[in-house]
Amino acid sequence: IEDEDEVFESIEDIWPDYPTKDDFFFDEEE
């Protein structure tokens, strides 16, 4: 990572393609 002083809010700031729960098509209420 090049920018030493940058503050990353989440893993998505480092790897934008990181899958979230919404990517898994799983309905927890089901």
ModelCIF file with pLDDT and N, C-alpha, C, O atoms, coordinates in Angstrom:
data_MODEL
#
_entry.id   MODEL 
#
_entity.id                         1 
_entity.type                       polymer 
_entity.pdbx_number_of_molecules   1 
#
_entity_poly.entity_id                      1 
_entity_poly.type                           'polypeptide(L)' 
_entity_poly.nstd_linkage                   no 
_entity_poly.nstd_monomer                   no 
_entity_poly.pdbx_seq_one_letter_code       IEDEDEVFESIEDIWPDYPTKDDFFFDEEE 
_entity_poly.pdbx_seq_one_letter_code_can   IEDEDEVFESIEDIWPDYPTKDDFFFDEEE 
_entity_poly.pdbx_strand_id                 A 
#
loop_
_entity_poly_seq.entity_id 
_entity_poly_seq.num 
_entity_poly_seq.mon_id 
_entity_poly_seq.hetero 
1 1  ILE n 
1 2  GLU n 
1 3  ASP n 
1 4  GLU n 
1 5  ASP n 
1 6  GLU n 
1 7  VAL n 
1 8  PHE n 
1 9  GLU n 
1 10 SER n 
1 11 ILE n 
1 12 GLU n 
1 13 ASP n 
1 14 ILE n 
1 15 TRP n 
1 16 PRO n 
1 17 ASP n 
1 18 TYR n 
1 19 PRO n 
1 20 THR n 
1 21 LYS n 
1 22 ASP n 
1 23 ASP n 
1 24 PHE n 
1 25 PHE n 
1 26 PHE n 
1 27 ASP n 
1 28 GLU n 
1 29 GLU n 
1 30 GLU n 
#
_struct_asym.id          A 
_struct_asym.entity_id   1 
#
loop_
_ma_qa_metric.id 
_ma_qa_metric.mode 
_ma_qa_metric.name 
_ma_qa_metric.software_group_id 
_ma_qa_metric.type 
1 global pLDDT . pLDDT 
2 local  pLDDT . pLDDT 
#
_ma_qa_metric_global.metric_id      1 
_ma_qa_metric_global.metric_value   76.53 
_ma_qa_metric_global.model_id       1 
_ma_qa_metric_global.ordinal_id     1 
#
loop_
_ma_qa_metric_local.label_asym_id 
_ma_qa_metric_local.label_comp_id 
_ma_qa_metric_local.label_seq_id 
_ma_qa_metric_local.metric_id 
_ma_qa_metric_local.metric_value 
_ma_qa_metric_local.model_id 
_ma_qa_metric_local.ordinal_id 
A ILE 1  2 91.00 1 1  
A GLU 2  2 88.00 1 2  
A ASP 3  2 82.00 1 3  
A GLU 4  2 79.00 1 4  
A ASP 5  2 85.00 1 5  
A GLU 6  2 91.00 1 6  
A VAL 7  2 95.00 1 7  
A PHE 8  2 94.00 1 8  
A GLU 9  2 94.00 1 9  
A SER 10 2 91.00 1 10 
A ILE 11 2 90.00 1 11 
A GLU 12 2 90.00 1 12 
A ASP 13 2 91.00 1 13 
A ILE 14 2 90.00 1 14 
A TRP 15 2 87.00 1 15 
A PRO 16 2 86.00 1 16 
A ASP 17 2 82.00 1 17 
A TYR 18 2 80.00 1 18 
A PRO 19 2 78.00 1 19 
A THR 20 2 67.00 1 20 
A LYS 21 2 58.00 1 21 
A ASP 22 2 58.00 1 22 
A ASP 23 2 51.00 1 23 
A PHE 24 2 51.00 1 24 
A PHE 25 2 54.00 1 25 
A PHE 26 2 54.00 1 26 
A ASP 27 2 56.00 1 27 
A GLU 28 2 59.00 1 28 
A GLU 29 2 66.00 1 29 
A GLU 30 2 58.00 1 30 
#
loop_
_atom_site.group_PDB 
_atom_site.id 
_atom_site.type_symbol 
_atom_site.label_atom_id 
_atom_site.label_alt_id 
_atom_site.label_comp_id 
_atom_site.label_asym_id 
_atom_site.label_entity_id 
_atom_site.label_seq_id 
_atom_site.pdbx_PDB_ins_code 
_atom_site.Cartn_x 
_atom_site.Cartn_y 
_atom_site.Cartn_z 
_atom_site.occupancy 
_atom_site.B_iso_or_equiv 
_atom_site.pdbx_formal_charge 
_atom_site.auth_seq_id 
_atom_site.auth_comp_id 
_atom_site.auth_asym_id 
_atom_site.auth_atom_id 
_atom_site.pdbx_PDB_model_num 
ATOM 1   N N  . ILE A 1 1  ? 0.862   -1.182  0.000  1.00 91.00 ? 1  ILE A N  1 
ATOM 2   C CA . ILE A 1 1  ? 0.000   0.000   0.000  1.00 91.00 ? 1  ILE A CA 1 
ATOM 3   C C  . ILE A 1 1  ? 0.898   1.231   0.000  1.00 91.00 ? 1  ILE A C  1 
ATOM 4   O O  . ILE A 1 1  ? 1.803   1.343   0.827  1.00 91.00 ? 1  ILE A O  1 
ATOM 5   N N  . GLU A 1 2  ? 0.652   2.147   -0.919 1.00 88.00 ? 2  GLU A N  1 
ATOM 6   C CA . GLU A 1 2  ? 1.552   3.283   -1.118 1.00 88.00 ? 2  GLU A CA 1 
ATOM 7   C C  . GLU A 1 2  ? 1.339   4.428   -0.128 1.00 88.00 ? 2  GLU A C  1 
ATOM 8   O O  . GLU A 1 2  ? 2.310   5.010   0.354  1.00 88.00 ? 2  GLU A O  1 
ATOM 9   N N  . ASP A 1 3  ? 0.106   4.754   0.176  1.00 82.00 ? 3  ASP A N  1 
ATOM 10  C CA . ASP A 1 3  ? -0.176  5.919   1.012  1.00 82.00 ? 3  ASP A CA 1 
ATOM 11  C C  . ASP A 1 3  ? -0.068  5.559   2.489  1.00 82.00 ? 3  ASP A C  1 
ATOM 12  O O  . ASP A 1 3  ? -0.970  4.938   3.052  1.00 82.00 ? 3  ASP A O  1 
ATOM 13  N N  . GLU A 1 4  ? 1.029   5.949   3.108  1.00 79.00 ? 4  GLU A N  1 
ATOM 14  C CA . GLU A 1 4  ? 1.320   5.615   4.502  1.00 79.00 ? 4  GLU A CA 1 
ATOM 15  C C  . GLU A 1 4  ? 0.312   6.205   5.486  1.00 79.00 ? 4  GLU A C  1 
ATOM 16  O O  . GLU A 1 4  ? -0.014  5.575   6.492  1.00 79.00 ? 4  GLU A O  1 
ATOM 17  N N  . ASP A 1 5  ? -0.185  7.417   5.201  1.00 85.00 ? 5  ASP A N  1 
ATOM 18  C CA . ASP A 1 5  ? -1.014  8.132   6.163  1.00 85.00 ? 5  ASP A CA 1 
ATOM 19  C C  . ASP A 1 5  ? -2.512  7.996   5.928  1.00 85.00 ? 5  ASP A C  1 
ATOM 20  O O  . ASP A 1 5  ? -3.307  8.519   6.708  1.00 85.00 ? 5  ASP A O  1 
ATOM 21  N N  . GLU A 1 6  ? -2.902  7.310   4.881  1.00 91.00 ? 6  GLU A N  1 
ATOM 22  C CA . GLU A 1 6  ? -4.324  7.168   4.584  1.00 91.00 ? 6  GLU A CA 1 
ATOM 23  C C  . GLU A 1 6  ? -4.997  6.318   5.654  1.00 91.00 ? 6  GLU A C  1 
ATOM 24  O O  . GLU A 1 6  ? -4.428  5.336   6.130  1.00 91.00 ? 6  GLU A O  1 
ATOM 25  N N  . VAL A 1 7  ? -6.203  6.699   6.024  1.00 95.00 ? 7  VAL A N  1 
ATOM 26  C CA . VAL A 1 7  ? -6.980  5.925   6.989  1.00 95.00 ? 7  VAL A CA 1 
ATOM 27  C C  . VAL A 1 7  ? -8.032  5.149   6.207  1.00 95.00 ? 7  VAL A C  1 
ATOM 28  O O  . VAL A 1 7  ? -8.835  5.731   5.478  1.00 95.00 ? 7  VAL A O  1 
ATOM 29  N N  . PHE A 1 8  ? -8.017  3.840   6.365  1.00 94.00 ? 8  PHE A N  1 
ATOM 30  C CA . PHE A 1 8  ? -8.943  2.960   5.666  1.00 94.00 ? 8  PHE A CA 1 
ATOM 31  C C  . PHE A 1 8  ? -10.128 2.680   6.579  1.00 94.00 ? 8  PHE A C  1 
ATOM 32  O O  . PHE A 1 8  ? -9.954  2.312   7.740  1.00 94.00 ? 8  PHE A O  1 
ATOM 33  N N  . GLU A 1 9  ? -11.324 2.855   6.051  1.00 94.00 ? 9  GLU A N  1 
ATOM 34  C CA . GLU A 1 9  ? -12.542 2.677   6.834  1.00 94.00 ? 9  GLU A CA 1 
ATOM 35  C C  . GLU A 1 9  ? -12.962 1.212   6.941  1.00 94.00 ? 9  GLU A C  1 
ATOM 36  O O  . GLU A 1 9  ? -13.596 0.815   7.918  1.00 94.00 ? 9  GLU A O  1 
ATOM 37  N N  . SER A 1 10 ? -12.606 0.410   5.935  1.00 91.00 ? 10 SER A N  1 
ATOM 38  C CA . SER A 1 10 ? -12.980 -0.999  5.934  1.00 91.00 ? 10 SER A CA 1 
ATOM 39  C C  . SER A 1 10 ? -12.114 -1.742  4.915  1.00 91.00 ? 10 SER A C  1 
ATOM 40  O O  . SER A 1 10 ? -11.317 -1.138  4.197  1.00 91.00 ? 10 SER A O  1 
ATOM 41  N N  . ILE A 1 11 ? -12.284 -3.041  4.870  1.00 90.00 ? 11 ILE A N  1 
ATOM 42  C CA . ILE A 1 11 ? -11.532 -3.866  3.925  1.00 90.00 ? 11 ILE A CA 1 
ATOM 43  C C  . ILE A 1 11 ? -11.860 -3.459  2.482  1.00 90.00 ? 11 ILE A C  1 
ATOM 44  O O  . ILE A 1 11 ? -11.024 -3.619  1.593  1.00 90.00 ? 11 ILE A O  1 
ATOM 45  N N  . GLU A 1 12 ? -13.068 -2.935  2.244  1.00 90.00 ? 12 GLU A N  1 
ATOM 46  C CA . GLU A 1 12 ? -13.449 -2.519  0.904  1.00 90.00 ? 12 GLU A CA 1 
ATOM 47  C C  . GLU A 1 12 ? -12.592 -1.362  0.389  1.00 90.00 ? 12 GLU A C  1 
ATOM 48  O O  . GLU A 1 12 ? -12.454 -1.193  -0.823 1.00 90.00 ? 12 GLU A O  1 
ATOM 49  N N  . ASP A 1 13 ? -12.018 -0.567  1.288  1.00 91.00 ? 13 ASP A N  1 
ATOM 50  C CA . ASP A 1 13 ? -11.118 0.509   0.860  1.00 91.00 ? 13 ASP A CA 1 
ATOM 51  C C  . ASP A 1 13 ? -9.810  -0.046  0.306  1.00 91.00 ? 13 ASP A C  1 
ATOM 52  O O  . ASP A 1 13 ? -9.156  0.595   -0.517 1.00 91.00 ? 13 ASP A O  1 
ATOM 53  N N  . ILE A 1 14 ? -9.436  -1.227  0.754  1.00 90.00 ? 14 ILE A N  1 
ATOM 54  C CA . ILE A 1 14 ? -8.201  -1.863  0.297  1.00 90.00 ? 14 ILE A CA 1 
ATOM 55  C C  . ILE A 1 14 ? -8.476  -2.763  -0.900 1.00 90.00 ? 14 ILE A C  1 
ATOM 56  O O  . ILE A 1 14 ? -7.736  -2.753  -1.883 1.00 90.00 ? 14 ILE A O  1 
ATOM 57  N N  . TRP A 1 15 ? -9.546  -3.537  -0.804 1.00 87.00 ? 15 TRP A N  1 
ATOM 58  C CA . TRP A 1 15 ? -9.928  -4.454  -1.873 1.00 87.00 ? 15 TRP A CA 1 
ATOM 59  C C  . TRP A 1 15 ? -11.402 -4.207  -2.210 1.00 87.00 ? 15 TRP A C  1 
ATOM 60  O O  . TRP A 1 15 ? -12.283 -4.786  -1.575 1.00 87.00 ? 15 TRP A O  1 
ATOM 61  N N  . PRO A 1 16 ? -11.677 -3.358  -3.196 1.00 86.00 ? 16 PRO A N  1 
ATOM 62  C CA . PRO A 1 16 ? -13.064 -2.976  -3.509 1.00 86.00 ? 16 PRO A CA 1 
ATOM 63  C C  . PRO A 1 16 ? -13.963 -4.147  -3.898 1.00 86.00 ? 16 PRO A C  1 
ATOM 64  O O  . PRO A 1 16 ? -15.185 -4.038  -3.790 1.00 86.00 ? 16 PRO A O  1 
ATOM 65  N N  . ASP A 1 17 ? -13.397 -5.248  -4.341 1.00 82.00 ? 17 ASP A N  1 
ATOM 66  C CA . ASP A 1 17 ? -14.200 -6.400  -4.762 1.00 82.00 ? 17 ASP A CA 1 
ATOM 67  C C  . ASP A 1 17 ? -14.525 -7.351  -3.621 1.00 82.00 ? 17 ASP A C  1 
ATOM 68  O O  . ASP A 1 17 ? -15.096 -8.417  -3.852 1.00 82.00 ? 17 ASP A O  1 
ATOM 69  N N  . TYR A 1 18 ? -14.170 -6.983  -2.385 1.00 80.00 ? 18 TYR A N  1 
ATOM 70  C CA . TYR A 1 18 ? -14.446 -7.864  -1.253 1.00 80.00 ? 18 TYR A CA 1 
ATOM 71  C C  . TYR A 1 18 ? -15.952 -8.090  -1.148 1.00 80.00 ? 18 TYR A C  1 
ATOM 72  O O  . TYR A 1 18 ? -16.715 -7.128  -1.058 1.00 80.00 ? 18 TYR A O  1 
ATOM 73  N N  . PRO A 1 19 ? -16.388 -9.356  -1.159 1.00 78.00 ? 19 PRO A N  1 
ATOM 74  C CA . PRO A 1 19 ? -17.831 -9.627  -1.128 1.00 78.00 ? 19 PRO A CA 1 
ATOM 75  C C  . PRO A 1 19 ? -18.451 -9.282  0.225  1.00 78.00 ? 19 PRO A C  1 
ATOM 76  O O  . PRO A 1 19 ? -17.834 -9.462  1.274  1.00 78.00 ? 19 PRO A O  1 
ATOM 77  N N  . THR A 1 20 ? -19.665 -8.793  0.175  1.00 67.00 ? 20 THR A N  1 
ATOM 78  C CA . THR A 1 20 ? -20.411 -8.494  1.393  1.00 67.00 ? 20 THR A CA 1 
ATOM 79  C C  . THR A 1 20 ? -21.510 -9.539  1.553  1.00 67.00 ? 20 THR A C  1 
ATOM 80  O O  . THR A 1 20 ? -21.680 -10.398 0.687  1.00 67.00 ? 20 THR A O  1 
ATOM 81  N N  . LYS A 1 21 ? -22.246 -9.472  2.640  1.00 58.00 ? 21 LYS A N  1 
ATOM 82  C CA . LYS A 1 21 ? -23.348 -10.413 2.853  1.00 58.00 ? 21 LYS A CA 1 
ATOM 83  C C  . LYS A 1 21 ? -24.372 -10.320 1.729  1.00 58.00 ? 21 LYS A C  1 
ATOM 84  O O  . LYS A 1 21 ? -25.001 -11.318 1.377  1.00 58.00 ? 21 LYS A O  1 
ATOM 85  N N  . ASP A 1 22 ? -24.541 -9.142  1.173  1.00 58.00 ? 22 ASP A N  1 
ATOM 86  C CA . ASP A 1 22 ? -25.514 -8.963  0.095  1.00 58.00 ? 22 ASP A CA 1 
ATOM 87  C C  . ASP A 1 22 ? -25.132 -9.742  -1.162 1.00 58.00 ? 22 ASP A C  1 
ATOM 88  O O  . ASP A 1 22 ? -25.987 -10.021 -2.003 1.00 58.00 ? 22 ASP A O  1 
ATOM 89  N N  . ASP A 1 23 ? -23.868 -10.090 -1.291 1.00 51.00 ? 23 ASP A N  1 
ATOM 90  C CA . ASP A 1 23 ? -23.401 -10.805 -2.476 1.00 51.00 ? 23 ASP A CA 1 
ATOM 91  C C  . ASP A 1 23 ? -23.719 -12.292 -2.451 1.00 51.00 ? 23 ASP A C  1 
ATOM 92  O O  . ASP A 1 23 ? -23.520 -12.973 -3.457 1.00 51.00 ? 23 ASP A O  1 
ATOM 93  N N  . PHE A 1 24 ? -24.203 -12.813 -1.341 1.00 51.00 ? 24 PHE A N  1 
ATOM 94  C CA . PHE A 1 24 ? -24.375 -14.261 -1.216 1.00 51.00 ? 24 PHE A CA 1 
ATOM 95  C C  . PHE A 1 24 ? -25.806 -14.753 -1.422 1.00 51.00 ? 24 PHE A C  1 
ATOM 96  O O  . PHE A 1 24 ? -26.047 -15.959 -1.372 1.00 51.00 ? 24 PHE A O  1 
ATOM 97  N N  . PHE A 1 25 ? -26.751 -13.857 -1.650 1.00 54.00 ? 25 PHE A N  1 
ATOM 98  C CA . PHE A 1 25 ? -28.140 -14.241 -1.940 1.00 54.00 ? 25 PHE A CA 1 
ATOM 99  C C  . PHE A 1 25 ? -28.714 -15.203 -0.917 1.00 54.00 ? 25 PHE A C  1 
ATOM 100 O O  . PHE A 1 25 ? -29.422 -16.140 -1.286 1.00 54.00 ? 25 PHE A O  1 
ATOM 101 N N  . PHE A 1 26 ? -28.430 -14.997 0.332  1.00 54.00 ? 26 PHE A N  1 
ATOM 102 C CA . PHE A 1 26 ? -28.902 -15.865 1.408  1.00 54.00 ? 26 PHE A CA 1 
ATOM 103 C C  . PHE A 1 26 ? -29.917 -15.095 2.221  1.00 54.00 ? 26 PHE A C  1 
ATOM 104 O O  . PHE A 1 26 ? -29.609 -14.029 2.756  1.00 54.00 ? 26 PHE A O  1 
ATOM 105 N N  . ASP A 1 27 ? -31.112 -15.617 2.319  1.00 56.00 ? 27 ASP A N  1 
ATOM 106 C CA . ASP A 1 27 ? -32.169 -14.961 3.062  1.00 56.00 ? 27 ASP A CA 1 
ATOM 107 C C  . ASP A 1 27 ? -32.203 -15.534 4.474  1.00 56.00 ? 27 ASP A C  1 
ATOM 108 O O  . ASP A 1 27 ? -32.689 -16.646 4.682  1.00 56.00 ? 27 ASP A O  1 
ATOM 109 N N  . GLU A 1 28 ? -31.688 -14.782 5.446  1.00 59.00 ? 28 GLU A N  1 
ATOM 110 C CA . GLU A 1 28 ? -31.611 -15.259 6.818  1.00 59.00 ? 28 GLU A CA 1 
ATOM 111 C C  . GLU A 1 28 ? -32.981 -15.463 7.443  1.00 59.00 ? 28 GLU A C  1 
ATOM 112 O O  . GLU A 1 28 ? -33.131 -16.284 8.348  1.00 59.00 ? 28 GLU A O  1 
ATOM 113 N N  . GLU A 1 29 ? -33.974 -14.735 6.979  1.00 66.00 ? 29 GLU A N  1 
ATOM 114 C CA . GLU A 1 29 ? -35.323 -14.872 7.528  1.00 66.00 ? 29 GLU A CA 1 
ATOM 115 C C  . GLU A 1 29 ? -35.978 -16.177 7.087  1.00 66.00 ? 29 GLU A C  1 
ATOM 116 O O  . GLU A 1 29 ? -36.932 -16.646 7.708  1.00 66.00 ? 29 GLU A O  1 
ATOM 117 N N  . GLU A 1 30 ? -35.462 -16.748 6.026  1.00 58.00 ? 30 GLU A N  1 
ATOM 118 C CA . GLU A 1 30 ? -36.046 -17.968 5.490  1.00 58.00 ? 30 GLU A CA 1 
ATOM 119 C C  . GLU A 1 30 ? -35.732 -19.173 6.367  1.00 58.00 ? 30 GLU A C  1 
ATOM 120 O O  . GLU A 1 30 ? -36.152 -20.288 6.058  1.00 58.00 ? 30 GLU A O  1 
#
